[in-house]
Protein backbone atom coordinates (compact mmCIF):
# COMPACT_ATOMS: atom_id res chain seq x y z
CA MET A 1 -40.13 256.82 -183.95
CA PRO A 2 -43.52 257.40 -182.30
CA LYS A 3 -43.92 257.18 -178.54
CA ALA A 4 -45.30 253.91 -177.17
CA GLU A 5 -49.00 254.10 -176.28
CA LYS A 6 -49.85 254.37 -172.61
CA GLY A 7 -50.39 251.01 -170.92
CA THR A 8 -48.60 248.94 -173.56
CA PRO A 9 -45.74 246.63 -172.48
CA LYS A 10 -43.26 248.93 -174.25
CA ASP A 11 -44.55 251.99 -172.32
CA ILE A 12 -44.39 250.09 -169.01
CA ALA A 13 -40.81 248.97 -169.76
CA ASN A 14 -39.81 252.53 -170.68
CA ARG A 15 -41.26 253.94 -167.46
CA ALA A 16 -39.55 251.24 -165.37
CA LYS A 17 -36.21 252.13 -166.99
CA ALA A 18 -36.75 255.84 -166.38
CA LYS A 19 -37.55 255.24 -162.70
CA GLY A 20 -34.21 253.68 -161.73
CA LEU A 21 -30.78 255.25 -161.61
CA GLN A 22 -29.14 255.49 -165.01
CA LYS A 23 -25.47 255.66 -165.93
CA LEU A 24 -23.73 258.71 -164.56
CA LYS A 25 -21.75 259.32 -167.76
CA PHE A 26 -25.03 259.94 -169.61
CA TYR A 27 -26.24 262.65 -167.20
CA CYS A 28 -26.08 266.37 -168.03
CA GLN A 29 -25.94 268.40 -164.81
CA MET A 30 -26.47 271.74 -166.58
CA CYS A 31 -29.79 270.62 -168.05
CA SER A 32 -30.60 268.16 -165.21
CA LYS A 33 -31.25 265.58 -167.93
CA GLN A 34 -30.56 261.86 -167.74
CA CYS A 35 -30.04 260.09 -171.04
CA ARG A 36 -30.43 256.34 -171.33
CA ASP A 37 -27.53 255.59 -173.66
CA GLU A 38 -24.62 257.07 -175.58
CA ASN A 39 -26.73 257.86 -178.62
CA GLY A 40 -29.31 259.78 -176.56
CA PHE A 41 -26.54 261.67 -174.77
CA LYS A 42 -24.89 262.59 -178.08
CA CYS A 43 -28.22 263.90 -179.40
CA HIS A 44 -28.74 265.92 -176.22
CA MET A 45 -25.24 267.45 -176.48
CA THR A 46 -26.11 268.89 -179.89
CA SER A 47 -29.57 270.17 -178.90
CA ASP A 48 -30.29 273.90 -178.80
CA SER A 49 -31.36 273.86 -175.14
CA HIS A 50 -28.05 272.24 -174.09
CA LEU A 51 -25.97 274.64 -176.16
CA ARG A 52 -27.82 277.59 -174.56
CA GLN A 53 -27.11 276.22 -171.08
CA MET A 54 -23.43 275.72 -171.94
CA LYS A 55 -23.22 279.33 -173.11
CA VAL A 56 -24.62 280.43 -169.72
CA PHE A 57 -22.08 278.15 -168.00
CA ARG A 58 -19.16 279.63 -169.97
CA GLU A 59 -20.14 283.14 -168.85
CA ASN A 60 -20.06 282.18 -165.15
CA SER A 61 -18.33 278.80 -164.85
CA GLY A 62 -16.70 279.48 -161.46
CA GLY A 63 -19.90 280.67 -159.82
CA MET A 64 -21.96 277.76 -161.15
CA MET A 65 -19.38 275.19 -160.08
CA ASP A 66 -19.27 276.74 -156.60
CA SER A 67 -23.07 276.57 -156.48
CA PHE A 68 -23.10 272.88 -157.49
CA SER A 69 -20.32 272.13 -154.97
CA SER A 70 -22.23 273.87 -152.19
CA GLU A 71 -25.44 271.96 -153.00
CA PHE A 72 -23.57 268.64 -153.10
CA GLU A 73 -21.87 269.38 -149.76
CA THR A 74 -25.21 270.32 -148.16
CA GLY A 75 -26.89 267.15 -149.46
CA TYR A 76 -24.06 264.91 -148.25
CA MET A 77 -23.90 266.52 -144.79
CA GLU A 78 -27.71 266.36 -144.40
CA THR A 79 -27.70 262.65 -145.25
CA LEU A 80 -24.86 262.01 -142.81
CA ARG A 81 -26.50 264.04 -140.02
CA ARG A 82 -30.06 262.74 -140.41
CA ARG A 83 -29.40 259.07 -141.06
CA HIS A 84 -26.29 258.45 -138.98
CA GLY A 85 -25.90 261.30 -136.46
CA THR A 86 -22.49 261.17 -134.80
CA GLN A 87 -21.81 257.53 -135.76
CA ARG A 88 -18.53 256.70 -137.53
CA MET A 89 -19.50 255.81 -141.11
CA ASN A 90 -17.78 254.69 -144.29
CA ALA A 91 -17.77 257.78 -146.56
CA ASN A 92 -18.58 255.71 -149.65
CA ASN A 93 -21.66 254.16 -147.99
CA VAL A 94 -22.98 257.65 -147.20
CA TYR A 95 -22.29 258.66 -150.83
CA GLN A 96 -24.29 255.65 -152.08
CA GLU A 97 -27.23 256.87 -149.97
CA VAL A 98 -26.89 260.39 -151.40
CA ILE A 99 -27.03 259.19 -155.01
CA GLN A 100 -30.20 257.16 -154.41
CA ASP A 101 -32.04 260.41 -155.10
CA LYS A 102 -32.38 260.69 -158.88
CA HIS A 103 -32.07 264.47 -158.76
CA HIS A 104 -28.94 264.72 -156.62
CA ILE A 105 -26.01 266.91 -157.65
CA HIS A 106 -23.43 264.70 -159.33
CA MET A 107 -19.90 264.83 -158.03
CA ASN A 108 -18.43 265.27 -161.52
CA SER A 109 -20.07 268.72 -161.66
CA THR A 110 -18.38 269.90 -158.43
CA LYS A 111 -14.88 271.19 -157.74
CA TRP A 112 -13.82 267.84 -156.22
CA ALA A 113 -12.30 265.27 -158.54
CA SER A 114 -13.05 262.34 -156.23
CA LEU A 115 -14.82 261.36 -153.02
CA SER A 116 -11.43 261.22 -151.26
CA ASP A 117 -10.80 264.89 -152.11
CA PHE A 118 -14.26 265.82 -150.83
CA VAL A 119 -13.84 263.89 -147.57
CA GLN A 120 -10.45 265.51 -146.93
CA TYR A 121 -12.04 268.90 -147.57
CA LEU A 122 -14.70 268.14 -144.93
CA GLY A 123 -11.95 267.24 -142.47
CA LYS A 124 -9.99 270.45 -143.13
CA LYS A 125 -13.15 272.51 -142.80
CA GLY A 126 -13.88 270.88 -139.41
CA GLN A 127 -17.30 269.55 -140.36
CA CYS A 128 -16.35 265.91 -139.79
CA ILE A 129 -13.75 263.80 -138.07
CA VAL A 130 -12.04 262.04 -140.98
CA GLU A 131 -9.82 258.99 -140.91
CA GLU A 132 -8.32 256.80 -143.62
CA THR A 133 -8.27 253.05 -143.06
CA GLU A 134 -7.54 249.96 -145.15
CA ARG A 135 -11.26 249.77 -145.90
CA GLY A 136 -11.45 253.37 -147.16
CA TRP A 137 -12.30 256.75 -145.71
CA TYR A 138 -14.47 257.03 -142.59
CA VAL A 139 -16.35 260.14 -141.48
CA THR A 140 -17.95 261.11 -138.16
CA TYR A 141 -20.34 264.04 -138.11
CA ILE A 142 -19.50 266.82 -135.62
CA GLU A 143 -22.72 268.11 -134.05
CA ARG A 144 -22.98 271.90 -134.18
CA ASP A 145 -26.73 272.51 -133.78
CA PRO A 146 -26.99 275.09 -130.92
CA ALA A 147 -30.36 273.79 -129.66
CA LEU A 148 -29.14 270.19 -129.56
CA LEU A 149 -25.84 271.19 -127.93
CA ALA A 150 -27.77 273.18 -125.30
CA ARG A 151 -30.00 270.13 -124.61
CA GLN A 152 -26.95 267.89 -124.30
CA ALA A 153 -25.24 270.37 -121.93
CA ALA A 154 -28.41 270.60 -119.78
CA LEU A 155 -28.66 266.80 -119.66
CA LYS A 156 -24.98 266.56 -118.66
CA ARG A 157 -25.48 269.16 -115.90
CA LYS A 158 -28.52 267.25 -114.61
CA THR A 159 -26.61 263.93 -114.65
CA ASP A 160 -23.65 265.54 -112.84
CA ALA A 161 -25.99 267.08 -110.22
CA ASP A 162 -27.74 263.71 -109.70
CA GLN A 163 -24.39 261.95 -109.28
CA ARG A 164 -23.18 264.62 -106.84
CA GLU A 165 -26.44 264.33 -104.85
CA GLU A 166 -26.11 260.55 -104.77
CA ARG A 167 -22.49 260.83 -103.59
CA LEU A 168 -23.46 263.27 -100.81
CA ALA A 169 -26.35 261.02 -99.73
CA THR A 170 -23.97 258.03 -99.57
CA GLU A 171 -21.49 260.07 -97.53
CA ARG A 172 -24.28 261.19 -95.16
CA ARG A 173 -25.46 257.58 -94.71
CA GLU A 174 -21.89 256.47 -93.98
CA THR A 175 -21.41 259.27 -91.41
CA LEU A 176 -24.71 258.38 -89.67
CA ARG A 177 -23.74 254.70 -89.60
CA MET A 178 -20.38 255.47 -88.03
CA GLU A 179 -21.96 257.80 -85.46
CA ALA A 180 -24.53 255.10 -84.60
CA ALA A 181 -21.74 252.52 -84.21
CA ARG A 182 -19.79 254.86 -81.91
CA ALA A 183 -22.98 255.54 -79.88
CA LEU A 184 -23.57 251.78 -79.54
CA ASP A 185 -19.98 251.28 -78.44
CA ARG A 186 -20.37 254.00 -75.79
CA ALA A 187 -23.71 252.49 -74.65
CA GLY A 188 -22.11 249.04 -74.42
CA CYS A 189 -19.25 250.36 -72.29
CA GLU A 190 -21.72 252.12 -69.99
CA VAL A 191 -23.76 248.90 -69.50
CA GLU A 192 -20.62 246.92 -68.73
CA ARG A 193 -19.44 249.56 -66.19
CA ARG A 194 -22.81 249.60 -64.42
CA ALA A 195 -22.95 245.80 -64.36
CA SER A 196 -19.50 245.65 -62.77
CA GLU A 197 -20.52 248.27 -60.16
CA ILE A 198 -23.60 246.20 -59.25
CA GLY A 199 -21.41 243.10 -58.96
CA ASP A 200 -18.99 244.92 -56.65
CA ARG A 201 -21.83 246.09 -54.35
CA SER A 202 -23.31 242.60 -54.08
CA ASP A 203 -19.94 241.23 -52.99
């Protein structure tokens, strides 16, 4: 069947369909090819280019799966770090953001069978604080960027120094106030004593 001419309604509809996310089960990670339906996927599976890629995969399946897993992990962690920082987030919500990119690495081509397995792996590796709740898995990114950690430490030191300075200033003010009160008390006693002496002399 010939391709629809550019600008025709059929061509516009085809391009609109190609733009959005398609069904995951019709995606071939080895060829980075998204098929629209089962028939297209079946045709792709029998194509020469796909069979060549599968031959390459068979020769180094472990290495390729590790590579896909590493890329998926990097993409997920980057999304979590950049969009949410150290906020506690639902792991599935972060995953939905990851898959918005049409060319993301699909989880079914990694060594993890499910998102739960992947999240638990992140927890064991110490990249995230992971907790399971009734509403699903939650992840909190652990900041490890040396420059950012150094900035945070410097800010904490400055805040601590400011608080210490403020405390010392308060203590100094309190000491001066007490000394002034004692001086006033002494001055008051002296005035009373002199007044009584003058009274005695006048008698």
